[in-house]
Amino acid sequence: MDHLEKIKQKLSDEERSQRWLARKLNKSHSLVHMMLKGERNMDSQTRIDIANILGEEPESLYNV
């Protein structure tokens, strides 16, 4: 499973939405939606922020 699918699965498991994640990241819902579809790249800080918000270690979420 790639990191985008892991993020989507984690959001689903916790009954959270992309809109919720966007608010936590202080980014637009549109940008988060495009990032999770793979249409926009995430910078390293955003990757770390997402992992922290979801309670995951970045290494496990992104297979680093």
Protein backbone atom coordinates (compact mmCIF):
# COMPACT_ATOMS: atom_id res chain seq x y z
CA MET A 1 0.00 0.00 0.00
CA ASP A 2 1.46 3.38 -0.95
CA HIS A 3 1.60 6.31 1.43
CA LEU A 4 -1.41 8.06 -0.08
CA GLU A 5 -3.56 4.98 0.44
CA LYS A 6 -2.24 4.65 4.01
CA ILE A 7 -3.26 8.24 4.74
CA LYS A 8 -6.73 7.73 3.25
CA GLN A 9 -7.16 4.47 5.18
CA LYS A 10 -6.08 6.10 8.45
CA LEU A 11 -8.56 8.94 7.89
CA SER A 12 -11.30 6.41 7.16
CA ASP A 13 -10.43 4.27 10.21
CA GLU A 14 -10.66 7.34 12.44
CA GLU A 15 -13.81 8.57 10.67
CA ARG A 16 -12.03 11.78 9.68
CA SER A 17 -12.41 13.68 6.43
CA GLN A 18 -10.00 15.35 4.05
CA ARG A 19 -11.64 18.61 5.11
CA TRP A 20 -10.70 17.86 8.74
CA LEU A 21 -7.12 17.15 7.71
CA ALA A 22 -7.02 20.37 5.68
CA ARG A 23 -8.13 22.38 8.73
CA LYS A 24 -5.47 20.73 10.89
CA LEU A 25 -2.80 21.47 8.26
CA ASN A 26 -4.09 25.02 7.72
CA LYS A 27 -4.32 24.28 3.99
CA SER A 28 -7.24 24.41 1.60
CA HIS A 29 -9.44 21.36 1.20
CA SER A 30 -8.77 21.54 -2.53
CA LEU A 31 -5.00 21.31 -2.05
CA VAL A 32 -5.28 18.38 0.39
CA HIS A 33 -7.65 16.60 -1.99
CA MET A 34 -5.18 17.02 -4.87
CA MET A 35 -2.27 15.84 -2.69
CA LEU A 36 -4.17 12.71 -1.67
CA LYS A 37 -5.03 11.99 -5.31
CA GLY A 38 -1.36 12.35 -6.25
CA GLU A 39 -1.98 15.43 -8.39
CA ARG A 40 0.15 17.66 -6.17
CA ASN A 41 3.35 16.81 -4.34
CA MET A 42 3.72 17.16 -0.59
CA ASP A 43 6.77 18.88 0.78
CA SER A 44 8.67 17.12 3.55
CA GLN A 45 7.20 19.34 6.29
CA THR A 46 3.65 18.58 5.16
CA ARG A 47 4.45 14.85 5.21
CA ILE A 48 5.74 15.16 8.78
CA ASP A 49 2.73 17.25 9.81
CA ILE A 50 0.29 14.69 8.38
CA ALA A 51 2.04 11.85 10.18
CA ASN A 52 1.94 13.76 13.47
CA ILE A 53 -1.73 14.68 13.05
CA LEU A 54 -2.60 11.05 12.36
CA GLY A 55 -0.49 9.80 15.27
CA GLU A 56 1.92 7.88 13.06
CA GLU A 57 5.68 7.84 12.76
CA PRO A 58 6.68 9.38 9.42
CA GLU A 59 8.94 6.41 8.73
CA SER A 60 6.08 3.92 8.95
CA LEU A 61 3.62 6.06 7.01
CA TYR A 62 6.01 6.86 4.18
CA ASN A 63 8.17 3.71 4.18
CA VAL A 64 11.33 5.73 4.75
